[in-house]
Full PDB file with SEQRES, HELIX, SHEET, SSBOND, CRYST1, ORIGX, SCALE, CONECT and MASTER records, all heavy atoms in Angstrom:
SEQRES   1 A   36  GLU ILE ILE GLU GLU ALA VAL SER ALA LEU ARG SER GLY          
SEQRES   2 A   36  ARG ASN GLN TYR ALA PRO GLY PRO GLY ILE PRO ALA LEU          
SEQRES   3 A   36  ARG GLU ALA VAL ALA ALA HIS GLN GLU ARG                      
HELIX    1 AA1 ILE A    2  ARG A   11  1                                  10    
HELIX    2 AA2 PRO A   24  GLU A   35  1                                  12    
CRYST1    1.000    1.000    1.000  90.00  90.00  90.00 P 1           1          
ORIGX1      1.000000  0.000000  0.000000        0.00000                         
ORIGX2      0.000000  1.000000  0.000000        0.00000                         
ORIGX3      0.000000  0.000000  1.000000        0.00000                         
SCALE1      1.000000  0.000000  0.000000        0.00000                         
SCALE2      0.000000  1.000000  0.000000        0.00000                         
SCALE3      0.000000  0.000000  1.000000        0.00000                         
ATOM      1  N   GLU A   1     -11.530 -69.126 111.585  1.00  0.00           N  
ATOM      2  CA  GLU A   1     -12.310 -70.319 111.252  1.00  0.00           C  
ATOM      3  C   GLU A   1     -11.497 -71.335 110.473  1.00  0.00           C  
ATOM      4  O   GLU A   1     -11.767 -72.543 110.552  1.00  0.00           O  
ATOM      5  CB  GLU A   1     -13.585 -69.946 110.490  1.00  0.00           C  
ATOM      6  CG  GLU A   1     -13.379 -69.069 109.260  1.00  0.00           C  
ATOM      7  CD  GLU A   1     -13.589 -67.597 109.550  1.00  0.00           C  
ATOM      8  OE1 GLU A   1     -12.945 -67.089 110.482  1.00  0.00           O  
ATOM      9  OE2 GLU A   1     -14.405 -66.967 108.834  1.00  0.00           O  
ATOM     10  N   ILE A   2     -10.481 -70.883 109.743  1.00  0.00           N  
ATOM     11  CA  ILE A   2      -9.597 -71.838 109.064  1.00  0.00           C  
ATOM     12  C   ILE A   2      -8.751 -72.573 110.096  1.00  0.00           C  
ATOM     13  O   ILE A   2      -8.556 -73.792 110.007  1.00  0.00           O  
ATOM     14  CB  ILE A   2      -8.705 -71.108 108.042  1.00  0.00           C  
ATOM     15  CG1 ILE A   2      -9.559 -70.354 107.024  1.00  0.00           C  
ATOM     16  CG2 ILE A   2      -7.786 -72.099 107.327  1.00  0.00           C  
ATOM     17  CD1 ILE A   2      -8.755 -69.516 106.035  1.00  0.00           C  
ATOM     18  N   ILE A   3      -8.276 -71.843 111.098  1.00  0.00           N  
ATOM     19  CA  ILE A   3      -7.518 -72.477 112.185  1.00  0.00           C  
ATOM     20  C   ILE A   3      -8.379 -73.512 112.895  1.00  0.00           C  
ATOM     21  O   ILE A   3      -7.920 -74.616 113.216  1.00  0.00           O  
ATOM     22  CB  ILE A   3      -7.000 -71.417 113.168  1.00  0.00           C  
ATOM     23  CG1 ILE A   3      -6.001 -70.490 112.458  1.00  0.00           C  
ATOM     24  CG2 ILE A   3      -6.355 -72.073 114.386  1.00  0.00           C  
ATOM     25  CD1 ILE A   3      -5.558 -69.305 113.290  1.00  0.00           C  
ATOM     26  N   GLU A   4      -9.644 -73.183 113.143  1.00  0.00           N  
ATOM     27  CA  GLU A   4     -10.534 -74.121 113.825  1.00  0.00           C  
ATOM     28  C   GLU A   4     -10.739 -75.390 113.010  1.00  0.00           C  
ATOM     29  O   GLU A   4     -10.872 -76.480 113.571  1.00  0.00           O  
ATOM     30  CB  GLU A   4     -11.877 -73.450 114.123  1.00  0.00           C  
ATOM     31  CG  GLU A   4     -11.808 -72.411 115.219  1.00  0.00           C  
ATOM     32  CD  GLU A   4     -11.198 -72.952 116.502  1.00  0.00           C  
ATOM     33  OE1 GLU A   4     -11.625 -74.045 116.950  1.00  0.00           O  
ATOM     34  OE2 GLU A   4     -10.286 -72.317 117.042  1.00  0.00           O  
ATOM     35  N   GLU A   5     -10.760 -75.271 111.696  1.00  0.00           N  
ATOM     36  CA  GLU A   5     -10.862 -76.464 110.854  1.00  0.00           C  
ATOM     37  C   GLU A   5      -9.635 -77.356 111.028  1.00  0.00           C  
ATOM     38  O   GLU A   5      -9.745 -78.582 111.056  1.00  0.00           O  
ATOM     39  CB  GLU A   5     -11.024 -76.072 109.386  1.00  0.00           C  
ATOM     40  CG  GLU A   5     -12.376 -75.483 109.044  1.00  0.00           C  
ATOM     41  CD  GLU A   5     -13.506 -76.491 109.177  1.00  0.00           C  
ATOM     42  OE1 GLU A   5     -13.319 -77.663 108.772  1.00  0.00           O  
ATOM     43  OE2 GLU A   5     -14.572 -76.104 109.682  1.00  0.00           O  
ATOM     44  N   ALA A   6      -8.473 -76.744 111.143  1.00  0.00           N  
ATOM     45  CA  ALA A   6      -7.253 -77.524 111.371  1.00  0.00           C  
ATOM     46  C   ALA A   6      -7.275 -78.181 112.746  1.00  0.00           C  
ATOM     47  O   ALA A   6      -6.897 -79.354 112.896  1.00  0.00           O  
ATOM     48  CB  ALA A   6      -6.027 -76.629 111.223  1.00  0.00           C  
ATOM     49  N   VAL A   7      -7.725 -77.436 113.747  1.00  0.00           N  
ATOM     50  CA  VAL A   7      -7.821 -77.990 115.101  1.00  0.00           C  
ATOM     51  C   VAL A   7      -8.775 -79.184 115.114  1.00  0.00           C  
ATOM     52  O   VAL A   7      -8.490 -80.238 115.709  1.00  0.00           O  
ATOM     53  CB  VAL A   7      -8.275 -76.913 116.095  1.00  0.00           C  
ATOM     54  CG1 VAL A   7      -8.609 -77.533 117.450  1.00  0.00           C  
ATOM     55  CG2 VAL A   7      -7.195 -75.842 116.246  1.00  0.00           C  
ATOM     56  N   SER A   8      -9.895 -79.030 114.448  1.00  0.00           N  
ATOM     57  CA  SER A   8     -10.862 -80.126 114.370  1.00  0.00           C  
ATOM     58  C   SER A   8     -10.259 -81.353 113.699  1.00  0.00           C  
ATOM     59  O   SER A   8     -10.461 -82.486 114.144  1.00  0.00           O  
ATOM     60  CB  SER A   8     -12.105 -79.661 113.610  1.00  0.00           C  
ATOM     61  OG  SER A   8     -13.024 -80.720 113.441  1.00  0.00           O  
ATOM     62  N   ALA A   9      -9.490 -81.141 112.641  1.00  0.00           N  
ATOM     63  CA  ALA A   9      -8.854 -82.264 111.949  1.00  0.00           C  
ATOM     64  C   ALA A   9      -7.826 -82.941 112.843  1.00  0.00           C  
ATOM     65  O   ALA A   9      -7.725 -84.178 112.874  1.00  0.00           O  
ATOM     66  CB  ALA A   9      -8.202 -81.774 110.657  1.00  0.00           C  
ATOM     67  N   LEU A  10      -7.067 -82.153 113.579  1.00  0.00           N  
ATOM     68  CA  LEU A  10      -6.096 -82.722 114.511  1.00  0.00           C  
ATOM     69  C   LEU A  10      -6.789 -83.592 115.564  1.00  0.00           C  
ATOM     70  O   LEU A  10      -6.338 -84.699 115.878  1.00  0.00           O  
ATOM     71  CB  LEU A  10      -5.323 -81.599 115.208  1.00  0.00           C  
ATOM     72  CG  LEU A  10      -4.247 -80.876 114.395  1.00  0.00           C  
ATOM     73  CD1 LEU A  10      -3.885 -79.561 115.061  1.00  0.00           C  
ATOM     74  CD2 LEU A  10      -3.005 -81.759 114.257  1.00  0.00           C  
ATOM     75  N   ARG A  11      -7.884 -83.087 116.102  1.00  0.00           N  
ATOM     76  CA  ARG A  11      -8.566 -83.796 117.190  1.00  0.00           C  
ATOM     77  C   ARG A  11      -9.375 -84.991 116.716  1.00  0.00           C  
ATOM     78  O   ARG A  11      -9.693 -85.884 117.502  1.00  0.00           O  
ATOM     79  CB  ARG A  11      -9.474 -82.818 117.940  1.00  0.00           C  
ATOM     80  CG  ARG A  11      -8.687 -81.813 118.775  1.00  0.00           C  
ATOM     81  CD  ARG A  11      -9.578 -80.794 119.443  1.00  0.00           C  
ATOM     82  NE  ARG A  11      -8.823 -79.962 120.383  1.00  0.00           N  
ATOM     83  CZ  ARG A  11      -9.249 -78.806 120.873  1.00  0.00           C  
ATOM     84  NH1 ARG A  11     -10.428 -78.332 120.495  1.00  0.00           N  
ATOM     85  NH2 ARG A  11      -8.506 -78.127 121.718  1.00  0.00           N  
ATOM     86  N   SER A  12      -9.706 -85.017 115.446  1.00  0.00           N  
ATOM     87  CA  SER A  12     -10.525 -86.117 114.932  1.00  0.00           C  
ATOM     88  C   SER A  12      -9.694 -87.214 114.274  1.00  0.00           C  
ATOM     89  O   SER A  12     -10.231 -88.100 113.618  1.00  0.00           O  
ATOM     90  CB  SER A  12     -11.554 -85.582 113.925  1.00  0.00           C  
ATOM     91  OG  SER A  12     -10.914 -85.000 112.805  1.00  0.00           O  
ATOM     92  N   GLY A  13      -8.371 -87.141 114.447  1.00  0.00           N  
ATOM     93  CA  GLY A  13      -7.531 -88.248 114.014  1.00  0.00           C  
ATOM     94  C   GLY A  13      -6.972 -88.149 112.617  1.00  0.00           C  
ATOM     95  O   GLY A  13      -6.526 -89.160 112.063  1.00  0.00           O  
ATOM     96  N   ARG A  14      -6.916 -86.924 112.052  1.00  0.00           N  
ATOM     97  CA  ARG A  14      -6.366 -86.770 110.697  1.00  0.00           C  
ATOM     98  C   ARG A  14      -4.864 -86.504 110.785  1.00  0.00           C  
ATOM     99  O   ARG A  14      -4.358 -85.517 110.241  1.00  0.00           O  
ATOM    100  CB  ARG A  14      -7.077 -85.617 109.980  1.00  0.00           C  
ATOM    101  CG  ARG A  14      -8.595 -85.708 109.952  1.00  0.00           C  
ATOM    102  CD  ARG A  14      -9.105 -86.817 109.059  1.00  0.00           C  
ATOM    103  NE  ARG A  14      -8.819 -86.556 107.671  1.00  0.00           N  
ATOM    104  CZ  ARG A  14      -9.607 -85.839 106.877  1.00  0.00           C  
ATOM    105  NH1 ARG A  14     -10.730 -85.298 107.354  1.00  0.00           N  
ATOM    106  NH2 ARG A  14      -9.289 -85.657 105.607  1.00  0.00           N  
ATOM    107  N   ASN A  15      -4.153 -87.375 111.465  1.00  0.00           N  
ATOM    108  CA  ASN A  15      -2.755 -87.102 111.789  1.00  0.00           C  
ATOM    109  C   ASN A  15      -1.762 -88.070 111.158  1.00  0.00           C  
ATOM    110  O   ASN A  15      -0.558 -87.982 111.430  1.00  0.00           O  
ATOM    111  CB  ASN A  15      -2.572 -87.099 113.304  1.00  0.00           C  
ATOM    112  CG  ASN A  15      -3.420 -86.047 113.976  1.00  0.00           C  
ATOM    113  OD1 ASN A  15      -3.321 -84.871 113.645  1.00  0.00           O  
ATOM    114  ND2 ASN A  15      -4.280 -86.463 114.892  1.00  0.00           N  
ATOM    115  N   GLN A  16      -2.225 -88.980 110.347  1.00  0.00           N  
ATOM    116  CA  GLN A  16      -1.329 -89.903 109.662  1.00  0.00           C  
ATOM    117  C   GLN A  16      -1.171 -89.468 108.209  1.00  0.00           C  
ATOM    118  O   GLN A  16      -1.738 -88.468 107.777  1.00  0.00           O  
ATOM    119  CB  GLN A  16      -1.860 -91.326 109.784  1.00  0.00           C  
ATOM    120  CG  GLN A  16      -2.170 -91.764 111.215  1.00  0.00           C  
ATOM    121  CD  GLN A  16      -1.023 -91.517 112.190  1.00  0.00           C  
ATOM    122  OE1 GLN A  16       0.149 -91.699 111.848  1.00  0.00           O  
ATOM    123  NE2 GLN A  16      -1.349 -91.077 113.402  1.00  0.00           N  
ATOM    124  N   TYR A  17      -0.404 -90.229 107.441  1.00  0.00           N  
ATOM    125  CA  TYR A  17      -0.128 -89.855 106.067  1.00  0.00           C  
ATOM    126  C   TYR A  17      -1.409 -89.572 105.281  1.00  0.00           C  
ATOM    127  O   TYR A  17      -2.330 -90.377 105.281  1.00  0.00           O  
ATOM    128  CB  TYR A  17       0.610 -90.974 105.334  1.00  0.00           C  
ATOM    129  CG  TYR A  17       2.023 -91.230 105.803  1.00  0.00           C  
ATOM    130  CD1 TYR A  17       2.449 -92.522 106.091  1.00  0.00           C  
ATOM    131  CD2 TYR A  17       2.931 -90.185 105.929  1.00  0.00           C  
ATOM    132  CE1 TYR A  17       3.745 -92.780 106.490  1.00  0.00           C  
ATOM    133  CE2 TYR A  17       4.237 -90.433 106.334  1.00  0.00           C  
ATOM    134  CZ  TYR A  17       4.634 -91.734 106.614  1.00  0.00           C  
ATOM    135  OH  TYR A  17       5.929 -91.982 107.014  1.00  0.00           O  
ATOM    136  N   ALA A  18      -1.432 -88.451 104.616  1.00  0.00           N  
ATOM    137  CA  ALA A  18      -2.472 -88.199 103.616  1.00  0.00           C  
ATOM    138  C   ALA A  18      -2.056 -88.873 102.310  1.00  0.00           C  
ATOM    139  O   ALA A  18      -0.878 -89.199 102.119  1.00  0.00           O  
ATOM    140  CB  ALA A  18      -2.624 -86.694 103.400  1.00  0.00           C  
ATOM    141  N   PRO A  19      -2.968 -89.115 101.396  1.00  0.00           N  
ATOM    142  CA  PRO A  19      -2.572 -89.651 100.094  1.00  0.00           C  
ATOM    143  C   PRO A  19      -1.527 -88.751  99.438  1.00  0.00           C  
ATOM    144  O   PRO A  19      -1.574 -87.522  99.572  1.00  0.00           O  
ATOM    145  CB  PRO A  19      -3.880 -89.657  99.292  1.00  0.00           C  
ATOM    146  CG  PRO A  19      -4.956 -89.651 100.316  1.00  0.00           C  
ATOM    147  CD  PRO A  19      -4.417 -88.890 101.492  1.00  0.00           C  
ATOM    148  N   GLY A  20      -0.592 -89.336  98.717  1.00  0.00           N  
ATOM    149  CA  GLY A  20       0.464 -88.563  98.063  1.00  0.00           C  
ATOM    150  C   GLY A  20      -0.051 -87.417  97.220  1.00  0.00           C  
ATOM    151  O   GLY A  20       0.478 -86.299  97.294  1.00  0.00           O  
ATOM    152  N   PRO A  21      -1.096 -87.613  96.406  1.00  0.00           N  
ATOM    153  CA  PRO A  21      -1.623 -86.510  95.595  1.00  0.00           C  
ATOM    154  C   PRO A  21      -2.437 -85.494  96.387  1.00  0.00           C  
ATOM    155  O   PRO A  21      -2.829 -84.460  95.832  1.00  0.00           O  
ATOM    156  CB  PRO A  21      -2.529 -87.210  94.570  1.00  0.00           C  
ATOM    157  CG  PRO A  21      -2.134 -88.654  94.614  1.00  0.00           C  
ATOM    158  CD  PRO A  21      -1.679 -88.900  96.014  1.00  0.00           C  
ATOM    159  N   GLY A  22      -2.719 -85.779  97.666  1.00  0.00           N  
ATOM    160  CA  GLY A  22      -3.561 -84.893  98.465  1.00  0.00           C  
ATOM    161  C   GLY A  22      -4.904 -85.530  98.750  1.00  0.00           C  
ATOM    162  O   GLY A  22      -5.359 -86.410  98.017  1.00  0.00           O  
ATOM    163  N   ILE A  23      -5.562 -85.080  99.818  1.00  0.00           N  
ATOM    164  CA  ILE A  23      -6.874 -85.642 100.142  1.00  0.00           C  
ATOM    165  C   ILE A  23      -7.875 -85.229  99.060  1.00  0.00           C  
ATOM    166  O   ILE A  23      -7.760 -84.153  98.470  1.00  0.00           O  
ATOM    167  CB  ILE A  23      -7.354 -85.200 101.539  1.00  0.00           C  
ATOM    168  CG1 ILE A  23      -7.563 -83.681 101.602  1.00  0.00           C  
ATOM    169  CG2 ILE A  23      -6.386 -85.658 102.624  1.00  0.00           C  
ATOM    170  CD1 ILE A  23      -8.269 -83.207 102.869  1.00  0.00           C  
ATOM    171  N   PRO A  24      -8.865 -86.070  98.782  1.00  0.00           N  
ATOM    172  CA  PRO A  24      -9.832 -85.717  97.736  1.00  0.00           C  
ATOM    173  C   PRO A  24     -10.507 -84.374  97.966  1.00  0.00           C  
ATOM    174  O   PRO A  24     -10.734 -83.625  97.005  1.00  0.00           O  
ATOM    175  CB  PRO A  24     -10.824 -86.884  97.797  1.00  0.00           C  
ATOM    176  CG  PRO A  24     -10.018 -88.041  98.288  1.00  0.00           C  
ATOM    177  CD  PRO A  24      -9.051 -87.451  99.272  1.00  0.00           C  
ATOM    178  N   ALA A  25     -10.826 -84.036  99.222  1.00  0.00           N  
ATOM    179  CA  ALA A  25     -11.525 -82.775  99.487  1.00  0.00           C  
ATOM    180  C   ALA A  25     -10.709 -81.570  99.038  1.00  0.00           C  
ATOM    181  O   ALA A  25     -11.252 -80.599  98.497  1.00  0.00           O  
ATOM    182  CB  ALA A  25     -11.860 -82.664 100.977  1.00  0.00           C  
ATOM    183  N   LEU A  26      -9.399 -81.609  99.253  1.00  0.00           N  
ATOM    184  CA  LEU A  26      -8.562 -80.484  98.843  1.00  0.00           C  
ATOM    185  C   LEU A  26      -8.444 -80.433  97.327  1.00  0.00           C  
ATOM    186  O   LEU A  26      -8.564 -79.358  96.716  1.00  0.00           O  
ATOM    187  CB  LEU A  26      -7.178 -80.583  99.476  1.00  0.00           C  
ATOM    188  CG  LEU A  26      -6.179 -79.494  99.057  1.00  0.00           C  
ATOM    189  CD1 LEU A  26      -6.733 -78.099  99.325  1.00  0.00           C  
ATOM    190  CD2 LEU A  26      -4.842 -79.682  99.779  1.00  0.00           C  
ATOM    191  N   ARG A  27      -8.241 -81.567  96.685  1.00  0.00           N  
ATOM    192  CA  ARG A  27      -8.119 -81.567  95.229  1.00  0.00           C  
ATOM    193  C   ARG A  27      -9.418 -81.093  94.575  1.00  0.00           C  
ATOM    194  O   ARG A  27      -9.399 -80.347  93.589  1.00  0.00           O  
ATOM    195  CB  ARG A  27      -7.733 -82.959  94.738  1.00  0.00           C  
ATOM    196  CG  ARG A  27      -6.260 -83.277  95.014  1.00  0.00           C  
ATOM    197  CD  ARG A  27      -5.872 -84.654  94.519  1.00  0.00           C  
ATOM    198  NE  ARG A  27      -6.258 -85.680  95.465  1.00  0.00           N  
ATOM    199  CZ  ARG A  27      -6.730 -86.871  95.131  1.00  0.00           C  
ATOM    200  NH1 ARG A  27      -6.933 -87.184  93.866  1.00  0.00           N  
ATOM    201  NH2 ARG A  27      -7.031 -87.756  96.060  1.00  0.00           N  
ATOM    202  N   GLU A  28     -10.539 -81.479  95.151  1.00  0.00           N  
ATOM    203  CA  GLU A  28     -11.829 -81.017  94.613  1.00  0.00           C  
ATOM    204  C   GLU A  28     -12.008 -79.518  94.836  1.00  0.00           C  
ATOM    205  O   GLU A  28     -12.525 -78.803  93.961  1.00  0.00           O  
ATOM    206  CB  GLU A  28     -12.962 -81.803  95.269  1.00  0.00           C  
ATOM    207  CG  GLU A  28     -13.007 -83.267  94.832  1.00  0.00           C  
ATOM    208  CD  GLU A  28     -13.852 -84.137  95.744  1.00  0.00           C  
ATOM    209  OE1 GLU A  28     -14.484 -83.588  96.684  1.00  0.00           O  
ATOM    210  OE2 GLU A  28     -13.864 -85.375  95.545  1.00  0.00           O  
ATOM    211  N   ALA A  29     -11.580 -79.032  95.992  1.00  0.00           N  
ATOM    212  CA  ALA A  29     -11.701 -77.597  96.276  1.00  0.00           C  
ATOM    213  C   ALA A  29     -10.809 -76.775  95.350  1.00  0.00           C  
ATOM    214  O   ALA A  29     -11.197 -75.703  94.885  1.00  0.00           O  
ATOM    215  CB  ALA A  29     -11.349 -77.322  97.739  1.00  0.00           C  
ATOM    216  N   VAL A  30      -9.604 -77.273  95.071  1.00  0.00           N  
ATOM    217  CA  VAL A  30      -8.697 -76.577  94.158  1.00  0.00           C  
ATOM    218  C   VAL A  30      -9.291 -76.546  92.753  1.00  0.00           C  
ATOM    219  O   VAL A  30      -9.299 -75.503  92.077  1.00  0.00           O  
ATOM    220  CB  VAL A  30      -7.309 -77.242  94.154  1.00  0.00           C  
ATOM    221  CG1 VAL A  30      -6.457 -76.700  93.009  1.00  0.00           C  
ATOM    222  CG2 VAL A  30      -6.605 -77.035  95.493  1.00  0.00           C  
ATOM    223  N   ALA A  31      -9.817 -77.684  92.298  1.00  0.00           N  
ATOM    224  CA  ALA A  31     -10.425 -77.734  90.964  1.00  0.00           C  
ATOM    225  C   ALA A  31     -11.594 -76.762  90.867  1.00  0.00           C  
ATOM    226  O   ALA A  31     -11.742 -76.041  89.865  1.00  0.00           O  
ATOM    227  CB  ALA A  31     -10.870 -79.157  90.642  1.00  0.00           C  
ATOM    228  N   ALA A  32     -12.420 -76.722  91.906  1.00  0.00           N  
ATOM    229  CA  ALA A  32     -13.565 -75.806  91.911  1.00  0.00           C  
ATOM    230  C   ALA A  32     -13.101 -74.347  91.917  1.00  0.00           C  
ATOM    231  O   ALA A  32     -13.696 -73.487  91.259  1.00  0.00           O  
ATOM    232  CB  ALA A  32     -14.449 -76.094  93.120  1.00  0.00           C  
ATOM    233  N   HIS A  33     -12.045 -74.067  92.657  1.00  0.00           N  
ATOM    234  CA  HIS A  33     -11.477 -72.714  92.703  1.00  0.00           C  
ATOM    235  C   HIS A  33     -11.009 -72.279  91.321  1.00  0.00           C  
ATOM    236  O   HIS A  33     -11.298 -71.156  90.868  1.00  0.00           O  
ATOM    237  CB  HIS A  33     -10.312 -72.696  93.696  1.00  0.00           C  
ATOM    238  CG  HIS A  33      -9.478 -71.457  93.676  1.00  0.00           C  
ATOM    239  ND1 HIS A  33      -8.452 -71.249  92.777  1.00  0.00           N  
ATOM    240  CD2 HIS A  33      -9.510 -70.344  94.471  1.00  0.00           C  
ATOM    241  CE1 HIS A  33      -7.896 -70.079  93.002  1.00  0.00           C  
ATOM    242  NE2 HIS A  33      -8.510 -69.507  94.024  1.00  0.00           N  
ATOM    243  N   GLN A  34     -10.300 -73.153  90.610  1.00  0.00           N  
ATOM    244  CA  GLN A  34      -9.790 -72.795  89.284  1.00  0.00           C  
ATOM    245  C   GLN A  34     -10.928 -72.545  88.289  1.00  0.00           C  
ATOM    246  O   GLN A  34     -10.852 -71.635  87.458  1.00  0.00           O  
ATOM    247  CB  GLN A  34      -8.852 -73.895  88.767  1.00  0.00           C  
ATOM    248  CG  GLN A  34      -7.573 -74.085  89.593  1.00  0.00           C  
ATOM    249  CD  GLN A  34      -6.723 -72.838  89.646  1.00  0.00           C  
ATOM    250  OE1 GLN A  34      -6.872 -71.988  90.530  1.00  0.00           O  
ATOM    251  NE2 GLN A  34      -5.802 -72.717  88.690  1.00  0.00           N  
ATOM    252  N   GLU A  35     -11.974 -73.339  88.399  1.00  0.00           N  
ATOM    253  CA  GLU A  35     -13.110 -73.140  87.493  1.00  0.00           C  
ATOM    254  C   GLU A  35     -13.893 -71.883  87.865  1.00  0.00           C  
ATOM    255  O   GLU A  35     -14.280 -71.097  86.980  1.00  0.00           O  
ATOM    256  CB  GLU A  35     -14.020 -74.356  87.513  1.00  0.00           C  
ATOM    257  CG  GLU A  35     -15.170 -74.248  86.526  1.00  0.00           C  
ATOM    258  CD  GLU A  35     -15.981 -75.526  86.393  1.00  0.00           C  
ATOM    259  OE1 GLU A  35     -15.773 -76.465  87.186  1.00  0.00           O  
ATOM    260  OE2 GLU A  35     -16.840 -75.576  85.484  1.00  0.00           O  
ATOM    261  N   ARG A  36     -14.090 -71.657  89.148  1.00  0.00           N  
ATOM    262  CA  ARG A  36     -14.890 -70.522  89.598  1.00  0.00           C  
ATOM    263  C   ARG A  36     -14.212 -69.195  89.268  1.00  0.00           C  
ATOM    264  O   ARG A  36     -14.876 -68.246  88.816  1.00  0.00           O  
ATOM    265  CB  ARG A  36     -15.108 -70.642  91.109  1.00  0.00           C  
ATOM    266  CG  ARG A  36     -16.010 -69.592  91.720  1.00  0.00           C  
ATOM    267  CD  ARG A  36     -16.371 -69.970  93.151  1.00  0.00           C  
ATOM    268  NE  ARG A  36     -15.258 -69.946  94.085  1.00  0.00           N  
ATOM    269  CZ  ARG A  36     -14.683 -71.022  94.617  1.00  0.00           C  
ATOM    270  NH1 ARG A  36     -15.092 -72.242  94.291  1.00  0.00           N  
ATOM    271  NH2 ARG A  36     -13.670 -70.895  95.472  1.00  0.00           N  
TER     272      ARG A  36                                                      
MASTER        0    0    0    2    0    0    0    6  271    1    0    3          
END                                                                             
């Protein structure tokens, strides 16, 4: 299912530069992981 998320991102046009610090969704997920 993690692979499928990547495939979905590839097909939906998430193929150009991400923000230098990382996409907000990943930074939020990391912050939530550290707190949890």
